[in-house]
Protein backbone atom coordinates (compact mmCIF):
# COMPACT_ATOMS: atom_id res chain seq x y z
CA UNK A 1 -55.91 -37.08 -35.53
CA UNK A 2 -54.27 -34.93 -32.86
CA UNK A 3 -57.67 -33.77 -31.59
CA UNK A 4 -58.85 -37.38 -31.51
CA UNK A 5 -55.78 -38.42 -29.51
CA UNK A 6 -56.44 -35.65 -26.96
CA UNK A 7 -60.03 -36.84 -26.56
CA UNK A 8 -58.89 -40.44 -26.07
CA UNK A 9 -56.31 -39.36 -23.49
CA UNK A 10 -58.99 -37.37 -21.66
CA UNK A 11 -61.33 -40.37 -21.62
CA UNK A 12 -58.53 -42.52 -20.21
CA UNK A 13 -57.88 -39.98 -17.45
CA UNK A 14 -61.58 -39.79 -16.58
CA UNK A 15 -61.86 -43.58 -16.23
CA UNK A 16 -58.61 -43.70 -14.26
CA UNK A 17 -59.75 -41.10 -11.75
CA UNK A 18 -63.31 -42.45 -11.60
CA UNK A 19 -61.89 -45.68 -10.25
CA UNK A 20 -59.38 -43.91 -8.02
CA UNK A 21 -61.97 -41.71 -6.31
CA UNK A 22 -64.82 -44.16 -5.94
CA UNK A 23 -66.15 -43.75 -2.37
CA UNK A 24 -63.68 -40.91 -1.70
CA UNK A 25 -64.63 -37.90 0.43
CA UNK A 26 -64.33 -34.41 -1.07
CA UNK A 27 -64.90 -31.25 0.99
CA UNK A 28 -65.99 -28.34 -1.21
CA UNK A 29 -66.05 -24.77 0.06
CA UNK A 30 -67.92 -22.41 -2.26
CA UNK A 31 -67.53 -18.63 -2.06
CA UNK A 32 -70.92 -16.90 -1.84
CA UNK A 33 -70.14 -14.66 -4.82
CA UNK A 34 -70.04 -17.75 -7.05
CA UNK A 35 -73.68 -18.52 -6.24
CA UNK A 36 -74.92 -15.47 -8.16
CA UNK A 37 -72.68 -16.18 -11.17
CA UNK A 38 -74.47 -17.27 -14.38
CA UNK A 39 -72.44 -20.50 -14.50
CA UNK A 40 -73.23 -21.57 -10.93
CA UNK A 41 -76.08 -23.87 -12.06
CA UNK A 42 -73.52 -25.69 -14.24
CA UNK A 43 -71.24 -26.10 -11.21
CA UNK A 44 -74.12 -27.58 -9.21
CA UNK A 45 -74.86 -29.96 -12.08
CA UNK A 46 -71.20 -31.06 -12.09
CA UNK A 47 -71.32 -31.63 -8.32
CA UNK A 48 -74.41 -33.78 -8.84
CA UNK A 49 -72.54 -35.82 -11.46
CA UNK A 50 -69.68 -36.42 -9.04
CA UNK A 51 -72.13 -37.47 -6.34
CA UNK A 52 -73.83 -39.89 -8.73
CA UNK A 53 -70.40 -41.38 -9.59
CA UNK A 54 -69.99 -42.44 -5.96
CA UNK A 55 -67.87 -39.56 -4.66
CA UNK A 56 -68.98 -38.52 -1.19
CA UNK A 57 -68.96 -34.81 -0.68
CA UNK A 58 -69.44 -32.20 2.00
CA UNK A 59 -70.36 -28.67 0.92
CA UNK A 60 -69.47 -25.61 2.96
CA UNK A 61 -70.89 -22.34 1.58
CA UNK A 62 -69.08 -19.13 2.32
CA UNK A 63 -71.52 -16.48 3.54
CA UNK A 64 -69.41 -13.41 4.26
CA UNK A 65 -70.87 -11.27 1.47
CA UNK A 66 -74.41 -12.45 2.22
CA UNK A 67 -73.94 -11.67 5.92
CA UNK A 68 -72.88 -8.14 5.01
CA UNK A 69 -75.97 -7.75 2.80
CA UNK A 70 -78.32 -8.85 5.60
CA UNK A 71 -76.65 -6.71 8.27
CA UNK A 72 -76.79 -3.66 6.01
CA UNK A 73 -80.45 -4.27 5.21
CA UNK A 74 -81.42 -4.36 8.87
CA UNK A 75 -79.09 -1.57 9.92
CA UNK A 76 -76.93 -3.76 12.18
CA UNK A 77 -73.42 -2.38 12.57
CA UNK A 78 -70.42 -4.60 13.21
CA UNK A 79 -66.71 -4.04 12.93
CA UNK A 80 -63.74 -6.16 12.00
CA UNK A 81 -60.30 -6.64 13.50
CA UNK A 82 -57.46 -8.36 11.64
CA UNK A 83 -59.97 -9.24 8.94
CA UNK A 84 -62.31 -11.00 11.43
CA UNK A 85 -65.87 -9.84 12.05
CA UNK A 86 -66.73 -9.19 15.70
CA UNK A 87 -70.12 -10.87 16.00
CA UNK A 88 -72.20 -9.08 18.64
CA UNK A 89 -75.16 -10.55 20.48
CA UNK A 90 -77.39 -8.22 18.45
CA UNK A 91 -75.94 -9.33 15.11
CA UNK A 92 -75.77 -13.10 15.59
CA UNK A 93 -79.47 -13.82 14.72
CA UNK A 94 -78.99 -11.99 11.41
CA UNK A 95 -75.67 -13.75 10.77
CA UNK A 96 -77.42 -17.09 11.31
CA UNK A 97 -80.21 -16.01 8.96
CA UNK A 98 -77.71 -15.21 6.21
CA UNK A 99 -75.65 -18.39 6.73
CA UNK A 100 -78.68 -20.67 6.57
CA UNK A 101 -80.12 -18.75 3.61
CA UNK A 102 -76.99 -19.49 1.55
CA UNK A 103 -77.02 -23.14 2.62
CA UNK A 104 -80.70 -23.43 1.69
CA UNK A 105 -80.04 -22.00 -1.76
CA UNK A 106 -77.43 -24.65 -2.46
CA UNK A 107 -79.62 -27.42 -1.05
CA UNK A 108 -82.50 -26.28 -3.26
CA UNK A 109 -80.34 -26.26 -6.39
CA UNK A 110 -79.03 -29.76 -5.62
CA UNK A 111 -82.64 -30.92 -5.23
CA UNK A 112 -83.21 -29.65 -8.75
CA UNK A 113 -80.56 -32.16 -9.88
CA UNK A 114 -82.31 -34.95 -7.94
CA UNK A 115 -79.59 -34.97 -5.30
CA UNK A 116 -80.58 -34.94 -1.64
CA UNK A 117 -78.72 -32.71 0.80
CA UNK A 118 -79.23 -31.92 4.45
CA UNK A 119 -78.25 -28.93 6.61
CA UNK A 120 -77.25 -29.68 10.19
CA UNK A 121 -75.52 -28.58 13.37
CA UNK A 122 -72.51 -30.90 13.33
CA UNK A 123 -69.99 -28.27 14.43
CA UNK A 124 -68.95 -27.74 18.06
CA UNK A 125 -67.43 -24.27 18.44
CA UNK A 126 -66.08 -22.02 21.15
CA UNK A 127 -65.53 -18.31 21.46
CA UNK A 128 -62.36 -16.72 20.14
CA UNK A 129 -62.41 -14.88 23.45
CA UNK A 130 -60.45 -11.74 24.23
CA UNK A 131 -57.33 -11.17 22.11
CA UNK A 132 -55.04 -8.20 22.78
CA UNK A 133 -57.78 -6.68 24.89
CA UNK A 134 -60.46 -7.02 22.21
CA UNK A 135 -63.53 -9.17 22.91
CA UNK A 136 -64.62 -11.04 19.78
CA UNK A 137 -67.93 -11.89 21.49
CA UNK A 138 -69.84 -14.47 19.40
CA UNK A 139 -67.18 -14.97 16.78
CA UNK A 140 -65.84 -18.46 17.31
CA UNK A 141 -63.45 -21.13 16.15
CA UNK A 142 -64.12 -24.76 15.36
CA UNK A 143 -63.56 -27.06 18.30
CA UNK A 144 -64.87 -30.36 16.94
CA UNK A 145 -66.80 -31.93 14.05
CA UNK A 146 -69.31 -34.68 14.80
CA UNK A 147 -67.51 -37.06 12.44
CA UNK A 148 -69.57 -40.16 13.25
CA UNK A 149 -72.85 -38.43 12.43
CA UNK A 150 -71.48 -36.84 9.24
CA UNK A 151 -70.15 -40.20 8.04
CA UNK A 152 -73.54 -41.78 8.71
CA UNK A 153 -75.20 -39.11 6.57
CA UNK A 154 -72.65 -39.68 3.79
CA UNK A 155 -73.23 -43.44 3.96
CA UNK A 156 -76.95 -42.82 3.40
CA UNK A 157 -76.18 -41.07 0.11
CA UNK A 158 -76.87 -37.54 1.34
CA UNK A 159 -74.72 -34.44 0.97
CA UNK A 160 -74.14 -32.59 4.27
CA UNK A 161 -74.20 -28.80 3.91
CA UNK A 162 -72.43 -26.90 6.69
CA UNK A 163 -73.52 -23.31 7.41
CA UNK A 164 -70.73 -21.20 8.89
CA UNK A 165 -72.25 -21.45 12.37
CA UNK A 166 -71.08 -23.59 15.29
CA UNK A 167 -72.57 -24.16 18.73
CA UNK A 168 -71.02 -24.71 22.13
CA UNK A 169 -72.16 -27.43 24.54
CA UNK A 170 -74.87 -25.13 25.92
CA UNK A 171 -76.29 -24.38 22.45
CA UNK A 172 -74.83 -20.89 22.12
CA UNK A 173 -74.18 -20.05 18.43
CA UNK A 174 -70.93 -18.67 17.05
CA UNK A 175 -70.06 -17.20 13.68
CA UNK A 176 -67.06 -19.11 12.30
CA UNK A 177 -64.78 -18.64 9.30
CA UNK A 178 -66.01 -20.91 6.50
CA UNK A 179 -62.45 -21.46 5.22
CA UNK A 180 -61.42 -22.64 8.67
CA UNK A 181 -64.54 -24.82 8.84
CA UNK A 182 -63.74 -26.43 5.48
CA UNK A 183 -60.14 -27.04 6.55
CA UNK A 184 -61.08 -28.65 9.88
CA UNK A 185 -63.84 -30.71 8.23
CA UNK A 186 -61.45 -32.06 5.58
CA UNK A 187 -58.88 -33.02 8.22
CA UNK A 188 -61.48 -34.57 10.56
CA UNK A 189 -63.12 -36.59 7.77
CA UNK A 190 -59.74 -37.61 6.28
CA UNK A 191 -60.87 -36.23 2.95
CA UNK A 192 -58.93 -37.06 -0.18
CA UNK A 193 -59.53 -33.56 -1.54
CA UNK A 194 -60.40 -30.10 -0.30
CA UNK A 195 -61.65 -27.59 -2.87
CA UNK A 196 -61.77 -23.84 -2.45
CA UNK A 197 -64.11 -22.63 -5.22
CA UNK A 198 -63.34 -18.92 -5.53
CA UNK A 199 -64.41 -16.01 -7.74
CA UNK A 200 -60.76 -15.24 -8.51
CA UNK A 201 -58.58 -16.14 -11.52
CA UNK A 202 -55.60 -18.35 -10.80
CA UNK A 203 -52.20 -17.30 -9.53
CA UNK A 204 -49.88 -16.39 -12.39
CA UNK A 205 -46.12 -16.24 -12.68
CA UNK A 206 -46.15 -12.58 -13.72
CA UNK A 207 -47.97 -11.31 -10.63
CA UNK A 208 -46.05 -13.00 -7.79
CA UNK A 209 -42.63 -13.94 -6.51
CA UNK A 210 -42.29 -17.62 -7.34
CA UNK A 211 -40.40 -20.02 -5.04
CA UNK A 212 -38.27 -22.91 -6.30
CA UNK A 213 -40.32 -26.06 -6.78
CA UNK A 214 -43.39 -24.30 -8.17
CA UNK A 215 -44.82 -25.96 -11.27
CA UNK A 216 -46.06 -23.63 -14.00
CA UNK A 217 -48.65 -24.46 -16.64
CA UNK A 218 -47.98 -23.38 -20.25
CA UNK A 219 -50.23 -20.33 -19.73
CA UNK A 220 -48.06 -19.10 -16.83
CA UNK A 221 -50.47 -20.29 -14.16
CA UNK A 222 -48.98 -21.74 -10.98
CA UNK A 223 -50.45 -25.24 -11.21
CA UNK A 224 -48.87 -27.05 -8.29
CA UNK A 225 -47.05 -26.37 -5.02
CA UNK A 226 -45.83 -28.70 -2.33
CA UNK A 227 -46.65 -27.64 1.22
CA UNK A 228 -43.07 -26.41 1.62
CA UNK A 229 -43.20 -24.41 -1.63
CA UNK A 230 -46.63 -23.00 -0.71
CA UNK A 231 -45.34 -21.81 2.67
CA UNK A 232 -42.40 -20.17 0.92
CA UNK A 233 -44.80 -18.61 -1.61
CA UNK A 234 -46.79 -17.05 1.25
CA UNK A 235 -43.60 -15.73 2.84
CA UNK A 236 -42.32 -14.21 -0.41
CA UNK A 237 -45.65 -12.52 -1.10
CA UNK A 238 -46.55 -11.57 2.48
CA UNK A 239 -46.93 -7.90 1.54
CA UNK A 240 -49.68 -8.72 -0.97
CA UNK A 241 -53.34 -8.07 -0.14
CA UNK A 242 -54.51 -10.77 -2.55
CA UNK A 243 -57.35 -12.75 -0.90
CA UNK A 244 -56.03 -15.93 -2.52
CA UNK A 245 -53.20 -15.97 0.03
CA UNK A 246 -55.69 -16.89 2.76
CA UNK A 247 -56.70 -19.97 0.76
CA UNK A 248 -53.05 -20.95 0.42
CA UNK A 249 -52.54 -20.68 4.17
CA UNK A 250 -55.56 -22.86 4.93
CA UNK A 251 -54.54 -25.23 2.12
CA UNK A 252 -51.10 -25.72 3.70
CA UNK A 253 -52.76 -26.50 7.02
CA UNK A 254 -54.97 -29.17 5.45
CA UNK A 255 -52.31 -30.70 3.19
CA UNK A 256 -49.88 -31.01 6.10
CA UNK A 257 -52.53 -32.90 8.08
CA UNK A 258 -53.12 -35.86 5.72
CA UNK A 259 -55.53 -34.27 3.25
CA UNK A 260 -54.05 -35.59 0.01
CA UNK A 261 -54.72 -32.58 -2.20
CA UNK A 262 -56.05 -29.05 -1.82
CA UNK A 263 -57.33 -27.33 -4.96
CA UNK A 264 -57.89 -23.59 -5.37
CA UNK A 265 -60.04 -23.06 -8.46
CA UNK A 266 -61.86 -20.27 -10.31
CA UNK A 267 -65.55 -21.09 -10.06
CA UNK A 268 -66.43 -18.73 -12.91
CA UNK A 269 -64.94 -21.18 -15.46
CA UNK A 270 -67.42 -23.64 -16.90
CA UNK A 271 -66.62 -27.24 -15.92
CA UNK A 272 -63.65 -26.19 -13.79
CA UNK A 273 -64.17 -28.77 -11.04
CA UNK A 274 -64.41 -31.65 -13.54
CA UNK A 275 -61.31 -30.47 -15.37
CA UNK A 276 -59.45 -30.13 -12.09
CA UNK A 277 -60.40 -33.64 -10.94
CA UNK A 278 -60.19 -35.62 -14.16
CA UNK A 279 -56.97 -34.21 -15.55
CA UNK A 280 -53.46 -34.46 -14.17
CA UNK A 281 -52.82 -30.88 -15.30
CA UNK A 282 -56.04 -29.44 -13.91
CA UNK A 283 -57.35 -25.88 -14.23
CA UNK A 284 -56.46 -24.35 -10.87
CA UNK A 285 -53.67 -24.55 -8.33
CA UNK A 286 -53.03 -27.61 -6.22
CA UNK A 287 -51.22 -27.87 -2.89
CA UNK A 288 -50.07 -31.38 -2.08
CA UNK A 289 -48.57 -32.92 1.00
CA UNK A 290 -47.95 -36.43 -0.28
CA UNK A 291 -45.62 -37.36 -3.14
CA UNK A 292 -47.44 -36.23 -6.25
CA UNK A 293 -45.01 -37.62 -8.76
CA UNK A 294 -42.33 -40.27 -8.67
CA UNK A 295 -39.93 -42.22 -10.81
CA UNK A 296 -40.01 -45.96 -10.26
CA UNK A 297 -38.82 -49.14 -11.93
CA UNK A 298 -40.91 -50.27 -14.86
CA UNK A 299 -43.07 -53.37 -14.43
CA UNK A 300 -44.51 -55.72 -17.08
CA UNK A 301 -47.96 -54.19 -16.58
CA UNK A 302 -46.54 -50.85 -17.79
CA UNK A 303 -45.55 -52.07 -21.26
CA UNK A 304 -48.73 -50.96 -23.03
CA UNK A 305 -48.51 -47.47 -21.52
CA UNK A 306 -44.86 -47.13 -22.49
CA UNK A 307 -45.59 -48.20 -26.07
CA UNK A 308 -48.34 -45.56 -26.20
CA UNK A 309 -45.93 -42.87 -24.98
CA UNK A 310 -43.29 -43.84 -27.52
CA UNK A 311 -45.53 -44.06 -30.58
CA UNK A 312 -45.73 -40.31 -31.41
CA UNK A 313 -41.92 -40.07 -31.17
CA UNK A 314 -41.49 -43.18 -33.30
CA UNK A 315 -43.71 -41.63 -35.98
CA UNK A 316 -41.49 -38.53 -35.97
CA UNK A 317 -38.39 -40.82 -36.17
CA UNK A 318 -37.10 -39.43 -32.88
CA UNK A 319 -37.18 -42.91 -31.31
CA UNK A 320 -36.49 -46.35 -32.73
CA UNK A 321 -39.58 -48.55 -32.69
CA UNK A 322 -39.68 -51.12 -29.91
CA UNK A 323 -42.05 -54.05 -29.91
CA UNK A 324 -44.09 -55.37 -27.03
CA UNK A 325 -41.87 -58.48 -26.89
CA UNK A 326 -38.72 -56.35 -26.77
CA UNK A 327 -40.05 -54.27 -23.89
CA UNK A 328 -41.21 -57.34 -22.00
CA UNK A 329 -37.71 -58.78 -22.36
CA UNK A 330 -35.92 -55.60 -21.25
CA UNK A 331 -38.35 -53.88 -18.87
CA UNK A 332 -35.84 -54.13 -16.00
CA UNK A 333 -33.69 -51.53 -17.78
CA UNK A 334 -36.54 -48.99 -17.76
CA UNK A 335 -37.99 -46.53 -15.31
CA UNK A 336 -41.34 -44.76 -15.61
CA UNK A 337 -42.53 -41.40 -14.38
CA UNK A 338 -45.83 -41.83 -12.61
CA UNK A 339 -48.41 -39.17 -11.70
CA UNK A 340 -51.31 -40.38 -9.57
CA UNK A 341 -50.76 -43.97 -10.75
CA UNK A 342 -50.78 -42.82 -14.38
CA UNK A 343 -47.59 -43.05 -16.49
CA UNK A 344 -46.43 -39.96 -18.36
CA UNK A 345 -42.75 -40.61 -19.02
CA UNK A 346 -40.16 -43.37 -19.41
CA UNK A 347 -36.47 -43.99 -20.05
CA UNK A 348 -33.89 -46.78 -19.97
CA UNK A 349 -30.37 -47.30 -18.68
CA UNK A 350 -28.65 -50.11 -20.62
CA UNK A 351 -25.21 -51.24 -19.43
CA UNK A 352 -22.39 -52.14 -21.83
CA UNK A 353 -18.78 -53.13 -21.41
CA UNK A 354 -16.12 -50.69 -20.27
CA UNK A 355 -18.04 -49.25 -17.31
CA UNK A 356 -20.45 -47.46 -19.66
CA UNK A 357 -24.21 -47.35 -20.12
CA UNK A 358 -26.60 -45.94 -22.69
CA UNK A 359 -29.52 -43.71 -21.74
CA UNK A 360 -32.25 -44.56 -24.23
CA UNK A 361 -35.96 -44.61 -24.90
CA UNK A 362 -36.70 -41.23 -23.30
CA UNK A 363 -40.35 -40.48 -23.97
CA UNK A 364 -42.73 -38.00 -22.32
CA UNK A 365 -46.43 -37.39 -22.80
CA UNK A 366 -46.47 -34.14 -24.78
CA UNK A 367 -49.23 -32.70 -22.60
CA UNK A 368 -46.82 -32.84 -19.64
CA UNK A 369 -43.52 -31.84 -21.20
CA UNK A 370 -43.64 -28.41 -19.51
CA UNK A 371 -43.18 -30.18 -16.14
CA UNK A 372 -39.58 -31.07 -16.99
CA UNK A 373 -40.27 -34.81 -16.83
CA UNK A 374 -37.68 -35.71 -19.46
CA UNK A 375 -34.91 -33.90 -17.58
CA UNK A 376 -35.95 -35.56 -14.32
CA UNK A 377 -35.75 -39.00 -15.91
CA UNK A 378 -32.32 -38.34 -17.44
CA UNK A 379 -30.98 -36.96 -14.15
CA UNK A 380 -32.40 -39.97 -12.31
CA UNK A 381 -30.71 -42.39 -14.73
CA UNK A 382 -27.41 -40.54 -14.42
CA UNK A 383 -27.73 -40.93 -10.65
CA UNK A 384 -28.40 -44.65 -11.07
CA UNK A 385 -25.28 -44.98 -13.23
CA UNK A 386 -23.21 -43.30 -10.52
CA UNK A 387 -24.62 -45.68 -7.89
CA UNK A 388 -23.47 -48.60 -10.03
CA UNK A 389 -19.96 -47.18 -10.20
CA UNK A 390 -19.98 -46.58 -13.95
CA UNK A 391 -17.55 -44.15 -15.54
CA UNK A 392 -19.76 -42.53 -18.18
CA UNK A 393 -23.09 -42.66 -19.98
CA UNK A 394 -23.89 -41.89 -23.59
CA UNK A 395 -26.92 -41.19 -25.75
CA UNK A 396 -27.68 -41.59 -29.43
CA UNK A 397 -30.04 -39.03 -30.90
CA UNK A 398 -31.21 -37.71 -34.25
CA UNK A 399 -33.33 -34.70 -33.32
CA UNK A 400 -32.71 -33.78 -29.67
CA UNK A 401 -29.00 -32.93 -29.67
CA UNK A 402 -29.51 -29.41 -28.32
CA UNK A 403 -31.63 -30.66 -25.42
CA UNK A 404 -29.02 -33.21 -24.32
CA UNK A 405 -26.27 -30.59 -24.54
CA UNK A 406 -28.32 -28.34 -22.26
CA UNK A 407 -28.29 -31.21 -19.75
CA UNK A 408 -24.49 -31.33 -19.79
CA UNK A 409 -23.78 -33.94 -22.49
CA UNK A 410 -20.89 -33.24 -24.85
CA UNK A 411 -20.45 -34.39 -28.46
CA UNK A 412 -18.69 -37.68 -29.09
CA UNK A 413 -18.20 -40.04 -32.00
CA UNK A 414 -18.50 -43.72 -32.72
CA UNK A 415 -15.12 -44.39 -31.13
CA UNK A 416 -16.66 -43.38 -27.79
CA UNK A 417 -19.07 -46.30 -27.94
CA UNK A 418 -18.09 -49.57 -26.26
CA UNK A 419 -17.34 -52.37 -28.72
CA UNK A 420 -20.54 -54.33 -28.00
CA UNK A 421 -22.64 -51.19 -28.71
CA UNK A 422 -20.59 -50.19 -31.74
CA UNK A 423 -21.42 -53.49 -33.42
CA UNK A 424 -25.15 -52.71 -33.41
CA UNK A 425 -24.87 -49.01 -34.33
CA UNK A 426 -27.33 -48.24 -37.16
CA UNK A 427 -25.25 -46.55 -39.85
CA UNK A 428 -28.37 -45.74 -41.90
CA UNK A 429 -29.98 -43.83 -39.02
CA UNK A 430 -26.76 -41.82 -38.46
CA UNK A 431 -27.58 -40.92 -34.86
CA UNK A 432 -25.37 -38.32 -33.21
CA UNK A 433 -23.43 -39.48 -30.15
CA UNK A 434 -23.19 -37.53 -26.90
CA UNK A 435 -21.42 -38.54 -23.70
CA UNK A 436 -21.55 -37.57 -20.05
CA UNK A 437 -18.64 -38.26 -17.70
CA UNK A 438 -19.67 -39.38 -14.20
């Protein structure tokens, strides 16, 4: 039964996000080392599925490792400074060869899934120039994306593939950072999502200094950071040589410029991009600039979702059963915790005489309990009680006494209940009473 419930919840999430992302634009940057991985064909198949669902996507292949292979093969020497390759006039034809080779490989694999892609020169670039006395020659930075042309290609049902090459107004080519290209493309196209598909496992709590506000998955993976928390994460771990830090820096840049979500995922995991998109919890790490979660007043349309959340707790006799009619009659007392327009928690604040109120009906989707949703709801309701000028709140519980005490509630007894609540106290249930002075 539990496995069946998980499958049903997953199906609900898939349908929810399918509707949410219809006609959305995703920019997907793929590290070259993923292309040679045994599971890469599965990733391409998943991308084809997303395309067929109506999601518009732009693919930007990383080519750094392939460029190094080609330069080594032909005996072309280049050097780097501050992690940036200095692209000489001699090397640029070979760099172009490698960049277009990687793009062609992806285009060919998409064709095998009956998805049409096109490679083009939509990137205007300019030279990095001379920095601290060092001439970067034909290494460039992105100046502009031909947004109108790219949108026209997307509207025709094609997938644009961007090699990591840009051209200036005179047609001179420049080697550009594919992470920068993906970031600028996502901002220019107002993409809903930017994906960095990497060959690296996720960031874990044990390996880094974690800033406040970081959300951890049950396996210790850092699953979510706001832009502010991500910037603090980079500062705290500035002495690390982990290549994932570069993705975080570019992710902050995109998420602070109206790209809704940036996802850093391990492309060696089968189905990772589908799991990241069609699950609130995901499989990688997300950087978000907009409000990812919020507590709001319950509305009549939320009743069915709230009943679904409560049912497992009712079966365990943690909550008293509430009917649909009861919730429809009292929905104004409730708040819900919403994640991407999907409800994963609820609670009620019910006023009684004597400047008191009861906090009741706290329920959280068990798949999301590690996010501290229950505590957030209780703290929010306590704040609401203070705004109303109430003197104290109380709770009645049978199985969660320790949890409420951890939140600052202290034991009480039936004499602490207001008269109008005492009259309806269920003596058979024998709920314990806890109070919180405001």
